[in-house]
Amino acid sequence: QALTRDEFTLYFQPIVNLGSGEVSAAEALLRWNPSAGSIGPDRFIPVAEETGLIVPIGEWVIRNACRERQKWAVLGITQPRMVVNISARQFAQKNLVATVGRMLQEVDLSPEHLGIEITESLLMERPEDTIRALNAFSNMGVQISVDDFGTGYSSLSYLKRFPLDKLKVDRSFVRDIATDPDDAAIVTAIIAMAHSLNIKVVAEGVETEQQLEFLRSRGCDEYQGYYFSRPMPSAEFIVKLSNLPS
């Protein structure tokens, strides 16, 4: 009913380049706002996954995120890249790559303006099938990120075979990096490993100056979190971009 009643909307959280301060990407995040009041994604996404409704909902997200990015292009906004999350159920669809390609054509959006995020655990569910699908996305020009890295059990022997552009360090490691030596060591090791594989690193959940300075000192490439901005509607996102120093 939420789909048919048009109760979904997208918010966007900036992903920021640590070196330049530029917004390099925008992560599209789904929100549900029925007439009775908003419902958090932590409540409805698991139900959508269980019922299989995450597939049509996920397609709605991709299509509308692409449309929004094309609107930004019309306004002369060349950056950032639009990033969408792909669920395990979606990724299992045989026609996913073709579906995404068709959506890009529908809105006349270049694949270079789109990025996908998959979880670390999804990488290892069917690694050979995953490699084929990710290679198809990569050959198309779509950027590939692994979300929540460090919380799953990915095999390093497989990791080097995936055409990955970015690893996103889970917020559970970032939260105490300024005070917890173990978290600091883990994040430092992830950054070093990723860079040795020519993969960029994004830190999630950055909320303090101390966290940011630690990440900068370790050579982290990008970050997102409340320190820079909460997720926001498209109109607010555009205003924030226009107010950034050039």
Protein backbone atom coordinates (compact mmCIF):
# COMPACT_ATOMS: atom_id res chain seq x y z
CA GLN A 1 0.00 0.00 0.00
CA ALA A 2 2.89 2.37 0.71
CA LEU A 3 4.05 1.94 -2.90
CA THR A 4 0.62 2.47 -4.43
CA ARG A 5 -0.18 5.41 -2.14
CA ASP A 6 3.16 7.09 -2.89
CA GLU A 7 4.08 7.24 0.80
CA PHE A 8 7.80 6.68 0.30
CA THR A 9 10.33 9.45 -0.06
CA LEU A 10 14.10 9.70 -0.37
CA TYR A 11 16.51 11.54 1.89
CA PHE A 12 20.15 12.09 0.99
CA GLN A 13 23.24 12.04 3.19
CA PRO A 14 26.46 13.57 1.88
CA ILE A 15 29.67 11.55 1.60
CA VAL A 16 32.59 13.96 1.90
CA ASN A 17 36.14 13.85 0.56
CA LEU A 18 38.47 14.19 3.56
CA GLY A 19 41.17 15.93 1.55
CA SER A 20 39.22 18.51 -0.43
CA GLY A 21 36.08 18.85 1.70
CA GLU A 22 33.94 18.38 -1.41
CA VAL A 23 30.76 16.31 -1.36
CA SER A 24 31.72 13.40 -3.57
CA ALA A 25 28.56 11.30 -3.24
CA ALA A 26 25.03 11.29 -1.87
CA GLU A 27 23.61 8.15 -0.27
CA ALA A 28 19.90 7.78 -1.00
CA LEU A 29 18.01 6.64 2.11
CA LEU A 30 14.41 5.46 2.10
CA ARG A 31 11.80 7.01 4.40
CA TRP A 32 8.15 5.99 4.89
CA ASN A 33 5.72 8.73 5.86
CA PRO A 34 2.13 7.46 5.98
CA SER A 35 -0.66 9.76 7.17
CA ALA A 36 -0.44 8.27 10.68
CA GLY A 37 3.19 9.39 11.07
CA SER A 38 6.65 8.34 9.97
CA ILE A 39 7.86 4.74 10.35
CA GLY A 40 11.59 4.13 10.77
CA PRO A 41 13.49 2.01 8.23
CA ASP A 42 14.69 -0.24 11.05
CA ARG A 43 11.03 -1.30 11.42
CA PHE A 44 9.82 -1.66 7.83
CA ILE A 45 12.95 -2.74 5.92
CA PRO A 46 13.26 -6.13 7.73
CA VAL A 47 9.56 -6.83 7.02
CA ALA A 48 10.05 -5.88 3.37
CA GLU A 49 13.03 -8.26 3.21
CA GLU A 50 11.06 -11.15 4.74
CA THR A 51 8.06 -10.72 2.44
CA GLY A 52 10.04 -10.11 -0.73
CA LEU A 53 8.54 -6.63 -1.13
CA ILE A 54 12.06 -5.25 -0.88
CA VAL A 55 12.44 -6.06 -4.60
CA PRO A 56 9.76 -3.65 -5.92
CA ILE A 57 10.60 -1.16 -3.17
CA GLY A 58 14.29 -1.36 -4.10
CA GLU A 59 13.44 -0.76 -7.75
CA TRP A 60 11.42 2.29 -6.69
CA VAL A 61 14.46 3.59 -4.80
CA ILE A 62 16.85 3.10 -7.73
CA ARG A 63 14.47 4.65 -10.27
CA ASN A 64 13.68 7.69 -8.15
CA ALA A 65 17.27 8.20 -7.03
CA CYS A 66 18.33 8.22 -10.69
CA ARG A 67 15.55 10.68 -11.53
CA GLU A 68 16.65 12.94 -8.68
CA ARG A 69 20.28 12.83 -9.79
CA GLN A 70 19.23 13.78 -13.32
CA LYS A 71 17.30 16.75 -11.90
CA TRP A 72 20.48 17.89 -10.17
CA ALA A 73 22.36 17.60 -13.47
CA VAL A 74 19.79 19.88 -15.13
CA LEU A 75 20.51 22.41 -12.36
CA GLY A 76 24.20 22.26 -13.29
CA ILE A 77 25.29 20.09 -10.34
CA THR A 78 28.02 17.86 -11.77
CA GLN A 79 28.82 16.26 -8.41
CA PRO A 80 28.03 14.20 -6.40
CA ARG A 81 27.53 10.59 -7.45
CA MET A 82 24.19 9.07 -6.39
CA VAL A 83 24.59 5.94 -4.24
CA VAL A 84 21.83 3.39 -3.60
CA ASN A 85 21.77 0.32 -1.36
CA ILE A 86 21.10 -3.06 -2.95
CA SER A 87 19.56 -5.71 -0.68
CA ALA A 88 20.35 -9.42 -0.80
CA ARG A 89 16.90 -10.18 -2.26
CA GLN A 90 17.41 -7.60 -5.00
CA PHE A 91 20.88 -8.86 -5.78
CA ALA A 92 19.54 -12.37 -6.21
CA GLN A 93 17.35 -11.20 -9.11
CA LYS A 94 18.83 -12.52 -12.36
CA ASN A 95 17.88 -9.39 -14.28
CA LEU A 96 19.19 -6.83 -11.77
CA VAL A 97 22.00 -5.46 -13.95
CA ALA A 98 19.70 -5.15 -16.97
CA THR A 99 17.01 -3.51 -14.81
CA VAL A 100 19.43 -0.88 -13.51
CA GLY A 101 20.72 -0.27 -17.04
CA ARG A 102 17.17 0.26 -18.29
CA MET A 103 16.40 2.71 -15.46
CA LEU A 104 19.51 4.73 -16.31
CA GLN A 105 18.40 4.91 -19.93
CA GLU A 106 14.87 5.92 -18.93
CA VAL A 107 16.11 9.07 -17.18
CA ASP A 108 19.10 9.63 -19.48
CA LEU A 109 21.60 9.35 -16.60
CA SER A 110 25.18 8.27 -17.21
CA PRO A 111 26.23 5.14 -15.24
CA GLU A 112 29.22 7.10 -13.93
CA HIS A 113 26.77 9.12 -11.84
CA LEU A 114 25.50 6.02 -10.01
CA GLY A 115 27.01 3.92 -7.25
CA ILE A 116 25.69 0.80 -5.53
CA GLU A 117 26.30 -0.40 -2.00
CA ILE A 118 26.12 -4.04 -0.93
CA THR A 119 26.86 -5.51 2.48
CA GLU A 120 29.96 -7.51 3.27
CA SER A 121 27.87 -10.58 4.14
CA LEU A 122 26.15 -10.43 0.74
CA LEU A 123 29.56 -10.69 -0.96
CA MET A 124 30.07 -14.18 0.41
CA GLU A 125 26.58 -15.66 -0.12
CA ARG A 126 27.28 -16.79 -3.70
CA PRO A 127 30.73 -15.39 -4.43
CA GLU A 128 31.06 -16.62 -8.03
CA ASP A 129 27.64 -15.24 -9.01
CA THR A 130 28.44 -12.04 -7.13
CA ILE A 131 31.71 -11.58 -8.99
CA ARG A 132 29.92 -11.91 -12.34
CA ALA A 133 27.23 -9.40 -11.40
CA LEU A 134 29.70 -6.90 -9.95
CA ASN A 135 31.91 -7.17 -13.02
CA ALA A 136 28.87 -6.35 -15.16
CA PHE A 137 28.13 -3.28 -13.04
CA SER A 138 31.78 -2.22 -13.10
CA ASN A 139 32.01 -2.61 -16.87
CA MET A 140 28.88 -0.46 -17.16
CA GLY A 141 30.63 2.29 -15.20
CA VAL A 142 28.69 1.97 -11.93
CA GLN A 143 30.80 2.45 -8.78
CA ILE A 144 30.72 -0.40 -6.23
CA SER A 145 31.00 -0.01 -2.45
CA VAL A 146 30.90 -2.57 0.36
CA ASP A 147 28.81 -1.33 3.28
CA ASP A 148 29.33 -2.18 6.97
CA PHE A 149 32.82 -3.54 6.30
CA GLY A 150 34.37 -5.30 9.28
CA THR A 151 31.12 -6.78 10.58
CA GLY A 152 30.94 -9.76 8.20
CA TYR A 153 33.23 -12.64 7.37
CA SER A 154 34.56 -11.89 3.92
CA SER A 155 37.46 -13.99 2.70
CA LEU A 156 40.49 -11.93 1.72
CA SER A 157 41.15 -14.38 -1.10
CA TYR A 158 37.78 -13.40 -2.58
CA LEU A 159 38.04 -9.73 -1.68
CA LYS A 160 40.88 -9.21 -4.12
CA ARG A 161 38.75 -10.74 -6.91
CA PHE A 162 35.79 -8.40 -6.51
CA PRO A 163 35.87 -5.20 -8.63
CA LEU A 164 35.41 -2.94 -5.61
CA ASP A 165 35.87 0.83 -5.56
CA LYS A 166 35.22 1.55 -1.88
CA LEU A 167 35.01 -0.11 1.54
CA LYS A 168 32.77 1.60 4.09
CA VAL A 169 34.05 1.09 7.64
CA ASP A 170 31.14 0.28 9.93
CA ARG A 171 30.17 2.95 12.45
CA SER A 172 30.67 0.49 15.33
CA PHE A 173 34.45 0.78 14.77
CA VAL A 174 34.42 4.53 14.14
CA ARG A 175 32.48 5.48 17.26
CA ASP A 176 35.38 5.02 19.72
CA ILE A 177 38.45 5.33 17.47
CA ALA A 178 39.69 8.37 19.39
CA THR A 179 39.62 6.53 22.74
CA ASP A 180 39.69 2.77 22.11
CA PRO A 181 43.08 1.40 20.95
CA ASP A 182 41.48 -1.75 19.53
CA ASP A 183 39.04 0.15 17.32
CA ALA A 184 41.84 2.49 16.28
CA ALA A 185 43.99 -0.48 15.28
CA ILE A 186 41.15 -2.12 13.32
CA VAL A 187 40.33 1.04 11.36
CA THR A 188 44.00 1.70 10.66
CA ALA A 189 44.43 -1.86 9.38
CA ILE A 190 41.33 -1.66 7.15
CA ILE A 191 42.58 1.57 5.58
CA ALA A 192 46.04 0.13 4.95
CA MET A 193 44.66 -3.12 3.49
CA ALA A 194 42.16 -1.34 1.24
CA HIS A 195 44.75 1.09 -0.09
CA SER A 196 47.11 -1.80 -0.87
CA LEU A 197 44.29 -3.19 -3.07
CA ASN A 198 43.67 0.24 -4.66
CA ILE A 199 40.32 0.53 -2.89
CA LYS A 200 39.19 3.78 -1.25
CA VAL A 201 37.86 3.88 2.31
CA VAL A 202 34.77 5.66 3.61
CA ALA A 203 34.20 6.00 7.38
CA GLU A 204 30.56 5.86 8.48
CA GLY A 205 29.00 7.50 11.50
CA VAL A 206 31.52 10.31 11.99
CA GLU A 207 30.16 12.64 14.65
CA THR A 208 33.13 14.45 16.24
CA GLU A 209 36.18 16.48 15.29
CA GLN A 210 38.37 13.96 17.14
CA GLN A 211 37.11 11.10 14.96
CA LEU A 212 37.63 13.18 11.84
CA GLU A 213 41.20 14.10 12.74
CA PHE A 214 42.07 10.49 13.50
CA LEU A 215 40.73 9.38 10.12
CA ARG A 216 42.59 12.19 8.36
CA SER A 217 45.84 11.21 10.06
CA ARG A 218 45.42 7.62 8.87
CA GLY A 219 44.75 8.60 5.25
CA CYS A 220 41.03 7.74 5.14
CA ASP A 221 39.57 8.95 1.85
CA GLU A 222 35.98 9.93 2.66
CA TYR A 223 33.49 10.09 5.50
CA GLN A 224 29.81 10.54 6.24
CA GLY A 225 27.90 11.19 9.41
CA TYR A 226 26.19 13.79 11.56
CA TYR A 227 29.44 15.78 11.97
CA PHE A 228 28.90 17.06 8.42
CA SER A 229 25.19 16.48 7.90
CA ARG A 230 22.19 14.37 8.72
CA PRO A 231 20.20 12.88 5.82
CA MET A 232 17.96 15.55 4.26
CA PRO A 233 15.35 16.03 1.54
CA SER A 234 16.57 16.84 -1.96
CA ALA A 235 15.77 20.57 -1.75
CA GLU A 236 17.83 20.95 1.45
CA PHE A 237 20.65 18.88 -0.05
CA ILE A 238 20.85 21.20 -3.07
CA VAL A 239 20.93 24.26 -0.79
CA LYS A 240 23.71 22.74 1.30
CA LEU A 241 25.76 22.02 -1.83
CA SER A 242 25.31 25.56 -3.08
CA ASN A 243 26.46 27.00 0.26
CA LEU A 244 29.70 25.01 0.41
CA PRO A 245 32.89 27.01 -0.23
CA SER A 246 34.12 26.51 -3.79
